[in-house]
Protein backbone atom coordinates (compact mmCIF):
# COMPACT_ATOMS: atom_id res chain seq x y z
CA MET A 1 98.61 -12.21 43.60
CA ILE A 2 96.82 -15.57 43.67
CA GLN A 3 97.90 -16.34 40.09
CA TYR A 4 101.50 -15.49 40.95
CA LEU A 5 101.31 -17.61 44.09
CA ASN A 6 99.96 -20.59 42.14
CA ALA A 7 102.68 -20.13 39.51
CA MET A 8 105.39 -20.18 42.19
CA ILE A 9 103.94 -23.32 43.74
CA ALA A 10 103.66 -24.99 40.33
CA ASP A 11 107.38 -24.42 39.82
CA ILE A 12 108.34 -26.62 42.81
CA PRO A 13 109.54 -30.03 41.56
CA TYR A 14 107.25 -32.85 42.64
CA ASN A 15 110.05 -34.79 44.34
CA TYR A 16 110.67 -31.84 46.72
CA TRP A 17 107.03 -31.53 47.59
CA ASN A 18 106.26 -32.14 51.26
CA ALA A 19 103.09 -30.28 52.15
CA LYS A 20 102.10 -31.94 55.41
CA THR A 21 101.69 -28.52 57.01
CA GLU A 22 100.92 -25.05 55.71
CA SER A 23 104.48 -23.85 56.44
CA ILE A 24 105.64 -24.30 52.84
CA PHE A 25 102.78 -22.03 51.73
CA THR A 26 103.63 -19.47 54.42
CA ILE A 27 107.23 -19.38 53.19
CA ILE A 28 106.27 -19.02 49.53
CA THR A 29 103.66 -16.34 50.23
CA SER A 30 105.96 -14.26 52.43
CA VAL A 31 108.83 -14.52 49.93
CA ILE A 32 106.57 -13.17 47.18
CA PHE A 33 105.75 -10.09 49.27
CA LYS A 34 109.39 -9.60 50.26
CA LYS A 35 110.45 -9.90 46.64
CA VAL A 36 108.32 -6.88 45.74
CA GLY A 37 109.65 -4.86 48.69
CA MET A 38 106.78 -5.12 51.17
CA ASP A 39 107.11 -4.95 54.96
CA VAL A 40 106.38 -8.61 55.78
CA LEU A 41 106.45 -10.62 59.00
CA THR A 42 105.42 -14.22 59.58
CA GLU A 43 104.07 -15.83 62.74
CA VAL A 44 103.24 -12.44 64.29
CA HIS A 45 102.25 -12.88 67.94
CA ASN A 46 99.53 -10.99 69.75
CA ALA A 47 97.90 -11.46 73.16
CA TRP A 48 95.87 -14.49 72.01
CA SER A 49 97.72 -16.27 69.24
CA ARG A 50 99.79 -15.60 66.13
CA CYS A 51 98.80 -14.83 62.55
CA ASP A 52 100.51 -16.48 59.62
CA ILE A 53 101.53 -13.35 57.69
CA ARG A 54 101.29 -9.60 58.24
CA VAL A 55 101.98 -7.18 55.39
CA LYS A 56 102.10 -3.41 55.86
CA THR A 57 102.02 -0.74 53.18
CA ASP A 58 101.61 3.02 53.44
CA ARG A 59 97.83 2.67 53.13
CA TYR A 60 97.00 -0.87 54.26
CA ILE A 61 97.63 -3.53 56.87
CA PHE A 62 96.96 -7.04 55.60
CA ILE A 63 96.58 -10.07 57.83
CA PHE A 64 96.82 -13.42 56.05
CA GLU A 65 95.63 -16.65 57.58
CA LEU A 66 96.55 -19.71 55.53
CA LYS A 67 94.80 -23.06 55.70
CA LEU A 68 95.89 -26.37 54.25
CA ASP A 69 92.99 -28.54 53.10
CA ARG A 70 90.58 -26.41 55.13
CA THR A 71 88.22 -23.57 54.28
CA THR A 72 88.74 -19.85 53.97
CA SER A 73 85.77 -19.42 56.30
CA GLU A 74 87.83 -21.11 59.01
CA ALA A 75 90.74 -18.81 58.24
CA MET A 76 88.57 -15.69 58.40
CA GLN A 77 86.94 -16.82 61.63
CA GLN A 78 90.36 -17.38 63.18
CA ILE A 79 91.43 -13.84 62.23
CA LYS A 80 88.35 -12.53 64.04
CA ASP A 81 88.44 -14.92 67.02
CA LYS A 82 92.13 -14.31 67.69
CA ALA A 83 91.80 -10.55 67.10
CA TYR A 84 94.81 -10.37 64.79
CA LEU A 85 93.97 -6.79 63.82
CA ALA A 86 93.19 -5.53 67.35
CA SER A 87 96.64 -4.04 67.93
CA PHE A 88 96.13 -1.80 64.88
CA ALA A 89 92.81 -0.29 66.06
CA ASN A 90 94.33 3.21 66.29
CA ASP A 91 96.27 2.92 63.06
CA PRO A 92 94.64 5.03 60.32
CA ARG A 93 95.48 2.53 57.56
CA LYS A 94 92.78 0.27 56.13
CA LYS A 95 92.81 -3.20 57.61
CA ILE A 96 92.33 -6.15 55.26
CA ALA A 97 91.86 -9.75 56.38
CA VAL A 98 92.74 -12.42 53.83
CA GLY A 99 92.00 -16.11 54.19
CA ILE A 100 93.71 -18.43 51.73
CA SER A 101 93.01 -22.14 51.36
CA PHE A 102 95.66 -24.36 49.79
CA SER A 103 95.11 -27.90 48.57
CA SER A 104 97.89 -30.38 49.28
CA LYS A 105 96.49 -32.63 46.55
CA GLN A 106 96.05 -29.96 43.85
CA ARG A 107 99.13 -28.04 45.06
CA GLN A 108 97.56 -24.65 44.59
CA VAL A 109 95.26 -22.05 46.09
CA THR A 110 91.74 -23.44 45.87
CA GLU A 111 89.92 -20.56 47.51
CA TYR A 112 90.56 -17.12 48.95
CA LEU A 113 88.45 -14.63 50.85
CA VAL A 114 89.13 -10.93 51.43
CA GLU A 115 87.35 -8.72 53.97
CA GLU A 116 87.97 -5.16 55.00
CA GLN A 117 87.81 -5.02 58.79
């Protein structure tokens, strides 16, 4: 997935590039999942905050927190602090937290972290 994500980002012409926020990465990431037929929502609200991307499959619930020029540790901590998976506590599917760090300078994923919750 990370290779595909980086390939999609690399295909964006430089003169269209405006990565002052992580929103461009949220859009690209969610479109990739939608393209392969996944159940995808962005900016999913809960009682404390909102996660960047939620993807559901028959067996898994993925929560993605994206960071621009910040660390995946920060992303993972935010998933935990804001309890993005709390509303799925009674859901029998496996819960996977994914932190992805994008570099505005390198224009690609520089780091990712995956944890089963």
